[in-house]
N, C-alpha and C. Protein backbone atom coordinates (compact mmCIF):
# COMPACT_ATOMS: atom_id res chain seq x y z
N ALA A 1 0.65 -1.63 0.02
CA ALA A 1 0.15 0.05 -0.08
C ALA A 1 0.77 1.31 0.08
N GLY A 2 2.08 1.47 0.47
CA GLY A 2 2.84 2.31 1.08
C GLY A 2 3.35 2.54 -0.53
N ARG A 3 3.42 1.83 -1.33
CA ARG A 3 4.24 1.72 -2.57
C ARG A 3 3.47 2.39 -3.39
N GLU A 4 2.42 2.37 -3.26
CA GLU A 4 1.32 2.68 -4.72
C GLU A 4 0.72 3.60 -4.08
N LEU A 5 1.01 4.23 -2.44
CA LEU A 5 0.95 5.80 -2.14
C LEU A 5 2.25 6.84 -3.09
N LEU A 6 3.17 5.84 -3.39
CA LEU A 6 4.11 6.76 -3.72
C LEU A 6 3.69 7.11 -5.31
N GLY A 7 3.07 6.39 -6.04
CA GLY A 7 2.95 6.98 -7.02
C GLY A 7 1.60 7.59 -7.61
N HIS A 8 0.99 8.19 -6.15
CA HIS A 8 0.28 9.03 -6.35
C HIS A 8 0.68 10.86 -6.56
N PRO A 9 0.32 10.91 -7.66
CA PRO A 9 0.77 12.35 -8.21
C PRO A 9 0.64 13.48 -7.30
N ARG A 10 -0.18 13.65 -6.47
CA ARG A 10 -0.39 14.75 -5.04
C ARG A 10 0.57 14.42 -3.67
N LEU A 11 1.26 13.11 -3.57
CA LEU A 11 1.95 13.17 -2.59
C LEU A 11 3.82 13.02 -3.26
N ALA A 12 4.23 13.73 -2.16
CA ALA A 12 5.83 14.01 -2.93
C ALA A 12 6.19 13.60 -1.21
N ALA A 13 8.08 13.34 -0.76
CA ALA A 13 8.13 12.83 0.00
C ALA A 13 9.93 12.93 0.32
N ALA A 14 10.56 13.25 1.37
CA ALA A 14 11.32 13.26 1.52
C ALA A 14 11.96 11.61 1.06
N PRO A 15 13.25 11.47 0.89
CA PRO A 15 14.19 10.46 1.14
C PRO A 15 13.91 9.29 1.71
N ASP A 16 14.03 9.13 3.07
CA ASP A 16 13.83 8.55 4.19
C ASP A 16 12.61 8.50 4.12
N ALA A 17 11.28 8.97 3.87
CA ALA A 17 10.05 8.89 4.34
C ALA A 17 9.45 7.81 3.13
N THR A 18 10.74 8.40 1.32
CA THR A 18 10.19 7.64 0.40
C THR A 18 10.29 6.10 0.81
N ARG A 19 11.58 5.64 1.54
CA ARG A 19 12.17 4.72 1.82
C ARG A 19 11.05 4.01 2.72
N GLN A 20 10.48 4.59 3.83
CA GLN A 20 9.50 3.95 4.46
C GLN A 20 8.60 3.18 4.29
N LEU A 21 8.50 3.90 3.36
CA LEU A 21 6.72 3.85 2.32
C LEU A 21 6.91 2.78 1.53
N ALA A 22 8.23 2.84 0.87
CA ALA A 22 8.24 1.46 0.07
C ALA A 22 8.29 0.26 0.80
N ALA A 23 8.76 0.61 1.96
CA ALA A 23 9.21 -0.72 2.57
C ALA A 23 8.29 -1.24 3.65
N GLY A 24 7.39 -1.03 3.43
CA GLY A 24 6.02 -0.98 4.09
C GLY A 24 6.01 -0.85 5.29
N GLU A 25 6.85 0.29 5.89
CA GLU A 25 7.05 0.51 7.62
C GLU A 25 5.74 1.58 8.40
N VAL A 26 4.75 2.16 7.23
CA VAL A 26 3.81 3.10 8.07
C VAL A 26 3.00 2.63 8.21
N ASP A 27 2.21 2.31 9.14
CA ASP A 27 0.91 2.06 9.94
C ASP A 27 -0.22 2.18 9.15
N ALA A 28 -0.89 1.57 8.54
CA ALA A 28 -1.89 1.31 7.66
C ALA A 28 -3.02 2.43 8.16
N ARG A 29 -3.21 2.92 9.44
CA ARG A 29 -3.90 4.26 9.57
C ARG A 29 -3.72 5.37 9.23
N LEU A 30 -1.94 5.81 8.77
CA LEU A 30 -1.49 6.81 8.45
C LEU A 30 -1.83 6.49 6.67
N LEU A 31 -1.62 5.65 6.11
CA LEU A 31 -1.65 5.40 4.87
C LEU A 31 -3.30 5.51 4.20
N SER A 32 -4.08 5.14 5.29
CA SER A 32 -5.33 5.47 4.41
C SER A 32 -5.77 6.82 4.60
N ALA A 33 -5.47 7.97 5.89
CA ALA A 33 -5.60 9.10 5.93
C ALA A 33 -4.72 9.31 5.32
N LEU A 34 -3.34 9.35 4.55
CA LEU A 34 -3.10 9.98 3.48
C LEU A 34 -3.50 10.12 2.35
N ALA A 35 -4.09 8.91 2.07
CA ALA A 35 -4.76 8.53 0.69
C ALA A 35 -5.76 9.00 0.38
N ALA A 36 -6.69 9.46 1.67
CA ALA A 36 -7.64 10.29 1.12
C ALA A 36 -7.55 11.88 1.21
N ILE A 37 -6.33 12.36 2.24
CA ILE A 37 -6.21 13.17 2.22
C ILE A 37 -5.27 14.17 0.77
N THR A 38 -4.95 13.11 0.42
CA THR A 38 -4.58 13.73 -1.23
C THR A 38 -5.49 13.77 -2.33
N ALA A 39 -6.39 13.03 -1.62
CA ALA A 39 -7.42 13.51 -2.84
C ALA A 39 -7.88 14.68 -3.44
N SER A 40 -8.06 15.55 -2.01
CA SER A 40 -7.68 16.91 -2.16
C SER A 40 -7.10 18.33 -1.94
N HIS A 41 -5.54 17.68 -1.76
CA HIS A 41 -4.49 17.87 -0.92
C HIS A 41 -3.22 17.94 -1.87
N ARG A 42 -2.40 18.53 -2.19
CA ARG A 42 -0.86 18.30 -2.57
C ARG A 42 -0.30 18.36 -1.09
N LEU A 43 0.39 16.95 -0.97
CA LEU A 43 1.59 16.74 0.54
C LEU A 43 2.80 17.01 0.27
N TYR A 44 3.66 17.37 0.91
CA TYR A 44 5.13 17.00 0.91
C TYR A 44 5.41 16.43 2.33
N VAL A 45 5.95 14.89 2.78
CA VAL A 45 5.84 14.25 4.26
C VAL A 45 7.01 14.47 4.08
N ARG A 46 7.81 15.62 5.54
CA ARG A 46 8.92 15.70 5.52
C ARG A 46 9.50 14.20 6.42
N ALA A 47 9.22 13.39 7.54
CA ALA A 47 9.13 12.44 7.83
C ALA A 47 8.04 11.38 8.50
N PHE A 48 7.68 10.36 9.01
CA PHE A 48 7.37 9.35 9.70
C PHE A 48 8.38 9.45 10.82
N GLY A 49 7.82 8.85 11.95
CA GLY A 49 8.24 8.23 12.93
C GLY A 49 7.29 7.75 14.21
N ASP A 50 7.51 7.15 15.24
CA ASP A 50 7.33 7.00 16.31
C ASP A 50 8.34 6.80 17.42
N PRO A 51 8.35 7.86 17.93
CA PRO A 51 9.52 8.26 19.54
C PRO A 51 9.27 7.11 20.29
N GLY A 52 10.29 6.07 20.76
CA GLY A 52 10.52 5.23 21.20
C GLY A 52 10.22 3.57 21.45
N ALA A 53 9.69 3.77 20.32
CA ALA A 53 8.98 2.71 19.47
C ALA A 53 10.13 1.43 18.94
N ASP A 54 9.40 0.06 19.47
CA ASP A 54 9.84 -1.13 19.07
C ASP A 54 11.18 -1.15 17.85
N PRO A 55 11.48 -1.53 17.03
CA PRO A 55 11.94 -1.75 15.83
C PRO A 55 10.94 -2.76 15.14
N GLY A 56 10.38 -2.63 14.14
CA GLY A 56 9.55 -3.66 13.92
C GLY A 56 8.29 -2.73 13.42
N VAL A 57 8.01 -1.76 14.95
CA VAL A 57 6.78 -1.30 14.50
C VAL A 57 6.58 -0.65 14.02
N PRO A 58 4.87 -0.49 13.58
CA PRO A 58 4.61 0.77 12.06
C PRO A 58 5.09 1.71 12.41
N LEU A 59 5.05 2.82 11.88
CA LEU A 59 5.25 4.48 12.25
C LEU A 59 4.52 5.15 12.02
N ARG A 60 4.00 5.24 13.25
CA ARG A 60 2.63 5.91 13.67
C ARG A 60 2.24 7.42 13.30
N SER A 61 3.76 8.03 13.04
CA SER A 61 3.50 9.81 12.80
C SER A 61 3.88 10.01 11.62
N VAL A 62 3.48 11.87 11.37
CA VAL A 62 3.67 12.13 10.29
C VAL A 62 3.99 13.34 10.47
N GLU A 63 4.61 13.62 9.84
CA GLU A 63 4.90 15.30 9.62
C GLU A 63 5.04 15.67 8.36
N ILE A 64 4.05 16.76 8.02
CA ILE A 64 3.95 17.18 6.43
C ILE A 64 4.24 18.24 6.72
N SER A 65 5.30 18.98 6.13
CA SER A 65 5.66 20.25 5.72
C SER A 65 5.09 21.46 4.68
N SER A 66 4.53 20.76 3.93
CA SER A 66 4.22 21.21 2.71
C SER A 66 2.45 21.04 2.35
N ILE A 67 1.46 21.37 2.55
CA ILE A 67 0.16 21.18 2.03
C ILE A 67 -0.49 22.37 0.70
N ASP A 68 -0.44 21.80 -0.60
CA ASP A 68 -0.94 22.63 -1.57
C ASP A 68 0.39 23.55 -1.89
N GLY A 69 1.30 23.23 -1.64
CA GLY A 69 2.82 24.45 -2.15
C GLY A 69 3.00 25.09 -0.77
N HIS A 70 2.04 25.11 0.25
CA HIS A 70 2.21 25.97 1.68
C HIS A 70 2.71 26.15 2.72
N LYS A 71 3.73 26.46 3.05
CA LYS A 71 3.58 25.52 4.57
C LYS A 71 2.10 25.47 5.52
N PRO A 72 1.91 24.57 6.18
CA PRO A 72 0.83 24.11 6.72
C PRO A 72 0.56 25.29 8.31
N SER A 73 -0.64 26.12 7.93
CA SER A 73 -1.11 26.78 8.37
C SER A 73 -2.84 26.78 9.39
N LYS A 74 -3.08 27.35 10.18
CA LYS A 74 -4.55 27.11 10.94
C LYS A 74 -5.63 27.09 10.05
N THR A 75 -5.48 27.78 8.77
CA THR A 75 -6.33 27.99 7.69
C THR A 75 -6.33 26.56 7.01
N LYS A 76 -4.90 26.52 6.68
CA LYS A 76 -4.66 25.42 5.61
C LYS A 76 -5.40 23.60 5.64
N ILE A 77 -4.76 23.33 7.46
CA ILE A 77 -5.10 22.53 7.82
C ILE A 77 -6.60 22.46 8.63
N SER A 78 -7.10 23.11 7.96
CA SER A 78 -8.53 23.30 9.59
C SER A 78 -9.71 21.66 8.33
N GLY A 79 -9.80 21.80 7.36
CA GLY A 79 -10.35 20.87 6.46
C GLY A 79 -9.51 19.67 6.72
N ILE A 80 -8.47 19.59 6.67
CA ILE A 80 -7.83 18.58 7.00
C ILE A 80 -8.48 17.77 8.41
N VAL A 81 -8.20 18.87 9.54
CA VAL A 81 -8.83 18.41 11.07
C VAL A 81 -10.34 18.22 10.98
N ARG A 82 -11.06 18.46 10.47
CA ARG A 82 -12.06 18.25 10.62
C ARG A 82 -12.42 17.01 9.93
N PHE A 83 -12.05 16.85 8.79
CA PHE A 83 -11.70 15.39 8.14
C PHE A 83 -11.34 14.18 9.17
N LEU A 84 -10.29 14.44 9.62
CA LEU A 84 -9.48 13.22 10.92
C LEU A 84 -10.81 13.18 12.16
N ASP A 85 -11.23 14.21 12.61
CA ASP A 85 -12.08 14.35 13.47
C ASP A 85 -12.88 13.75 13.48
N ALA A 86 -13.79 13.20 11.97
CA ALA A 86 -14.60 12.68 11.73
C ALA A 86 -14.62 11.28 11.45
N GLN A 87 -13.44 10.56 11.81
CA GLN A 87 -13.12 9.10 11.39
C GLN A 87 -13.79 8.36 12.34
N GLN A 88 -14.14 7.07 12.05
CA GLN A 88 -14.26 6.16 13.50
C GLN A 88 -13.21 6.12 14.09
N SER A 89 -13.54 5.64 15.57
CA SER A 89 -12.23 5.43 16.92
C SER A 89 -11.27 4.92 16.02
N GLN A 90 -11.17 3.54 15.66
CA GLN A 90 -10.01 2.66 15.17
C GLN A 90 -8.85 3.66 13.99
N PHE A 91 -9.81 4.78 12.80
CA PHE A 91 -8.81 5.52 12.55
C PHE A 91 -8.90 6.90 12.91
N HIS A 92 -9.04 7.06 14.12
CA HIS A 92 -9.07 8.35 14.51
C HIS A 92 -7.28 9.10 15.32
N PRO A 93 -7.36 9.79 14.87
CA PRO A 93 -5.77 9.81 15.43
C PRO A 93 -5.43 10.37 16.83
N ILE A 94 -4.74 10.49 17.93
CA ILE A 94 -4.73 10.65 19.06
C ILE A 94 -3.84 12.16 18.70
N GLU A 95 -3.40 12.24 17.71
CA GLU A 95 -2.92 14.19 17.32
C GLU A 95 -2.92 14.59 16.54
N VAL A 96 -3.18 15.60 16.20
CA VAL A 96 -2.90 16.03 14.82
C VAL A 96 -2.76 18.12 15.24
N LYS A 97 -1.92 18.38 15.04
CA LYS A 97 -1.71 19.50 15.44
C LYS A 97 -0.51 20.39 14.71
N LEU A 98 -0.10 21.65 14.60
CA LEU A 98 0.88 22.49 14.29
C LEU A 98 1.96 22.53 15.29
N ALA A 99 3.41 22.24 14.77
CA ALA A 99 4.34 22.39 15.32
C ALA A 99 5.50 22.52 14.37
N GLN A 100 6.14 22.91 15.50
CA GLN A 100 7.67 23.76 15.19
C GLN A 100 8.78 22.71 15.31
N PRO A 101 9.21 21.51 15.05
CA PRO A 101 10.24 20.99 15.30
C PRO A 101 11.38 21.87 15.29
N SER A 102 12.48 21.01 16.35
CA SER A 102 13.64 22.02 16.49
C SER A 102 14.57 21.67 15.30
N ASP A 103 14.85 20.38 14.63
CA ASP A 103 15.41 20.53 12.96
C ASP A 103 14.56 21.09 12.21
N ALA A 104 13.25 21.33 12.31
CA ALA A 104 12.76 21.72 10.87
C ALA A 104 12.92 23.51 10.39
N ALA A 105 12.91 24.20 9.17
CA ALA A 105 12.66 25.43 8.89
C ALA A 105 11.43 26.01 9.47
N SER A 106 10.21 25.53 8.93
CA SER A 106 9.15 26.11 9.37
C SER A 106 8.23 25.10 10.20
N THR A 107 7.20 25.37 10.32
CA THR A 107 5.70 24.89 11.11
C THR A 107 5.32 23.55 10.19
N ILE A 108 5.32 21.98 10.76
CA ILE A 108 4.63 21.24 10.07
C ILE A 108 3.29 21.21 10.31
N LEU A 109 3.03 20.34 9.79
CA LEU A 109 1.39 19.63 10.41
C LEU A 109 1.67 18.04 10.67
N ARG A 110 1.36 17.58 12.23
CA ARG A 110 1.88 16.48 12.72
C ARG A 110 0.75 15.24 13.05
N ILE A 111 0.53 14.48 12.65
CA ILE A 111 -0.53 13.62 12.80
C ILE A 111 -0.17 12.36 13.56
N ARG A 112 -0.34 11.91 14.29
CA ARG A 112 -0.12 10.52 15.08
C ARG A 112 -1.09 9.81 15.43
N TYR A 113 -0.96 8.45 15.38
CA TYR A 113 -1.79 7.42 15.98
C TYR A 113 -1.59 6.63 17.22
N SER A 114 -2.58 6.17 17.88
CA SER A 114 -2.05 5.80 19.43
C SER A 114 -1.65 3.71 18.61
N ALA A 115 -1.10 3.70 20.28
CA ALA A 115 -0.31 1.84 20.05
C ALA A 115 -1.45 1.04 20.47
N PRO A 116 -1.94 0.32 19.97
CA PRO A 116 -1.07 -0.83 19.13
C PRO A 116 -1.62 -0.26 17.72
N SER A 117 -1.21 -0.87 16.50
CA SER A 117 -1.53 -0.53 15.06
C SER A 117 -3.02 -1.55 15.09
N PRO A 118 -4.12 -1.54 15.20
CA PRO A 118 -5.06 -2.64 14.85
C PRO A 118 -4.61 -3.41 13.32
N THR A 119 -4.38 -4.74 13.18
CA THR A 119 -4.40 -5.53 12.14
C THR A 119 -5.82 -5.43 11.28
N GLY A 120 -4.94 -5.44 10.21
CA GLY A 120 -6.44 -5.62 9.12
C GLY A 120 -7.20 -4.33 8.91
N SER A 121 -6.82 -3.32 9.66
CA SER A 121 -7.17 -1.88 9.33
C SER A 121 -7.53 -1.51 7.40
N LEU A 122 -6.78 -1.32 7.06
CA LEU A 122 -6.89 -1.61 5.58
C LEU A 122 -8.14 -1.99 4.99
N SER A 123 -8.36 -3.48 5.60
CA SER A 123 -9.39 -4.06 4.84
C SER A 123 -10.70 -4.21 5.38
N SER A 124 -10.77 -3.58 6.66
CA SER A 124 -12.24 -2.65 7.46
C SER A 124 -13.04 -1.98 6.68
């Protein structure tokens, strides 16, 4: 599913994020959310992560550094937030916020899901 998402014309990603998508390392809930969001927006994924997770655990957070060619802002993310808030509990993120990581030049949109990752979430 990650490799398929990489072929979407509205999604671009940093080299490490591209590798993680292609290798199947990203949580299925994030893949579903990104696929749905890219139906309406162009996204640039800066990074995937999961601080403190054990190796082999799907990456449950994403940092988006560009939406439709602009840095994320409250105005730009309002529709995305509404969409994610409307999801069923298994697809509802525990965090959707603007952040300023110390290693980033500008604001990012961070979306994070809880542990554990549900099994079979792409087929539900």
